[in-house]
Amino acid sequence: MGKYDDLDQYERAIVHFGNRVDVICAMEMAGKLEFNSAFDLIKAEYKELKKIRKKYAYFLTEIYPFT
């Protein structure tokens, strides 16, 4: 059984977002991406995360009433 097997879709999206941001930051620090390009990629990833959050908003308000 894996570490993330019992996560719901929103939690999986958060994990994916974090992994993608880690990779983008590492590429920027290694000189493989310009700062502005890295910023734009992270911004796009955040927009995708927000879409998923809106999709599961009803479910999330039941679990996390203060979000």
C-alpha atoms as a PDB file:
ATOM      1  CA  MET A   1       0.000   0.000   0.000  1.00  0.00           C
ATOM      2  CA  GLY A   2       1.440   3.330  -1.062  1.00  0.00           C
ATOM      3  CA  LYS A   3       1.802   6.504   0.900  1.00  0.00           C
ATOM      4  CA  TYR A   4      -0.955   8.336  -0.993  1.00  0.00           C
ATOM      5  CA  ASP A   5      -3.441   5.516  -1.643  1.00  0.00           C
ATOM      6  CA  ASP A   6      -6.219   6.858   0.578  1.00  0.00           C
ATOM      7  CA  LEU A   7      -6.245  10.448  -0.692  1.00  0.00           C
ATOM      8  CA  ASP A   8      -9.271  11.948  -2.403  1.00  0.00           C
ATOM      9  CA  GLN A   9      -9.054  13.707  -5.761  1.00  0.00           C
ATOM     10  CA  TYR A  10      -8.406  17.165  -4.302  1.00  0.00           C
ATOM     11  CA  GLU A  11      -5.638  15.905  -2.061  1.00  0.00           C
ATOM     12  CA  ARG A  12      -4.085  14.087  -5.012  1.00  0.00           C
ATOM     13  CA  ALA A  13      -4.228  17.342  -6.981  1.00  0.00           C
ATOM     14  CA  ILE A  14      -2.416  19.138  -4.155  1.00  0.00           C
ATOM     15  CA  VAL A  15       0.305  16.472  -4.113  1.00  0.00           C
ATOM     16  CA  HIS A  16       0.637  16.725  -7.907  1.00  0.00           C
ATOM     17  CA  PHE A  17       0.836  20.532  -7.694  1.00  0.00           C
ATOM     18  CA  GLY A  18       3.571  20.316  -5.079  1.00  0.00           C
ATOM     19  CA  ASN A  19       5.566  17.856  -7.153  1.00  0.00           C
ATOM     20  CA  ARG A  20       5.278  20.010 -10.258  1.00  0.00           C
ATOM     21  CA  VAL A  21       6.327  23.146  -8.367  1.00  0.00           C
ATOM     22  CA  ASP A  22       9.332  21.268  -6.950  1.00  0.00           C
ATOM     23  CA  VAL A  23      10.434  20.253 -10.445  1.00  0.00           C
ATOM     24  CA  ILE A  24       9.880  23.729 -11.904  1.00  0.00           C
ATOM     25  CA  CYS A  25      11.833  25.354  -9.055  1.00  0.00           C
ATOM     26  CA  ALA A  26      14.673  22.870  -9.448  1.00  0.00           C
ATOM     27  CA  MET A  27      14.837  23.553 -13.176  1.00  0.00           C
ATOM     28  CA  GLU A  28      14.901  27.303 -12.565  1.00  0.00           C
ATOM     29  CA  MET A  29      17.641  26.968  -9.947  1.00  0.00           C
ATOM     30  CA  ALA A  30      19.685  24.775 -12.316  1.00  0.00           C
ATOM     31  CA  GLY A  31      19.425  27.384 -15.051  1.00  0.00           C
ATOM     32  CA  LYS A  32      17.206  25.261 -17.306  1.00  0.00           C
ATOM     33  CA  LEU A  33      14.324  27.757 -17.090  1.00  0.00           C
ATOM     34  CA  GLU A  34      14.225  31.515 -16.900  1.00  0.00           C
ATOM     35  CA  PHE A  35      12.589  33.050 -13.832  1.00  0.00           C
ATOM     36  CA  ASN A  36       9.619  34.396 -15.816  1.00  0.00           C
ATOM     37  CA  SER A  37       9.033  31.065 -17.523  1.00  0.00           C
ATOM     38  CA  ALA A  38       9.113  29.246 -14.190  1.00  0.00           C
ATOM     39  CA  PHE A  39       6.705  31.779 -12.720  1.00  0.00           C
ATOM     40  CA  ASP A  40       4.314  31.331 -15.654  1.00  0.00           C
ATOM     41  CA  LEU A  41       4.432  27.537 -15.348  1.00  0.00           C
ATOM     42  CA  ILE A  42       3.719  27.661 -11.615  1.00  0.00           C
ATOM     43  CA  LYS A  43       0.898  30.131 -12.243  1.00  0.00           C
ATOM     44  CA  ALA A  44      -0.630  27.748 -14.809  1.00  0.00           C
ATOM     45  CA  GLU A  45      -0.339  24.828 -12.378  1.00  0.00           C
ATOM     46  CA  TYR A  46      -2.052  26.922  -9.700  1.00  0.00           C
ATOM     47  CA  LYS A  47      -4.920  27.724 -12.085  1.00  0.00           C
ATOM     48  CA  GLU A  48      -5.420  24.006 -12.678  1.00  0.00           C
ATOM     49  CA  LEU A  49      -5.429  23.380  -8.928  1.00  0.00           C
ATOM     50  CA  LYS A  50      -8.053  26.103  -8.480  1.00  0.00           C
ATOM     51  CA  LYS A  51     -10.253  24.459 -11.138  1.00  0.00           C
ATOM     52  CA  ILE A  52     -10.107  21.168  -9.266  1.00  0.00           C
ATOM     53  CA  ARG A  53     -10.816  22.928  -5.977  1.00  0.00           C
ATOM     54  CA  LYS A  54     -13.915  24.553  -7.480  1.00  0.00           C
ATOM     55  CA  LYS A  55     -15.024  21.202  -8.871  1.00  0.00           C
ATOM     56  CA  TYR A  56     -14.888  19.661  -5.407  1.00  0.00           C
ATOM     57  CA  ALA A  57     -15.946  22.793  -3.488  1.00  0.00           C
ATOM     58  CA  TYR A  58     -19.166  21.270  -2.115  1.00  0.00           C
ATOM     59  CA  PHE A  59     -17.335  18.218  -0.858  1.00  0.00           C
ATOM     60  CA  LEU A  60     -14.571  20.332   0.669  1.00  0.00           C
ATOM     61  CA  THR A  61     -16.946  22.573   2.611  1.00  0.00           C
ATOM     62  CA  GLU A  62     -18.298  19.510   4.379  1.00  0.00           C
ATOM     63  CA  ILE A  63     -14.832  18.373   5.400  1.00  0.00           C
ATOM     64  CA  TYR A  64     -13.074  21.731   5.798  1.00  0.00           C
ATOM     65  CA  PRO A  65     -15.804  24.238   6.729  1.00  0.00           C
ATOM     66  CA  PHE A  66     -13.411  27.185   6.907  1.00  0.00           C
ATOM     67  CA  THR A  67     -11.968  26.952   3.377  1.00  0.00           C
END
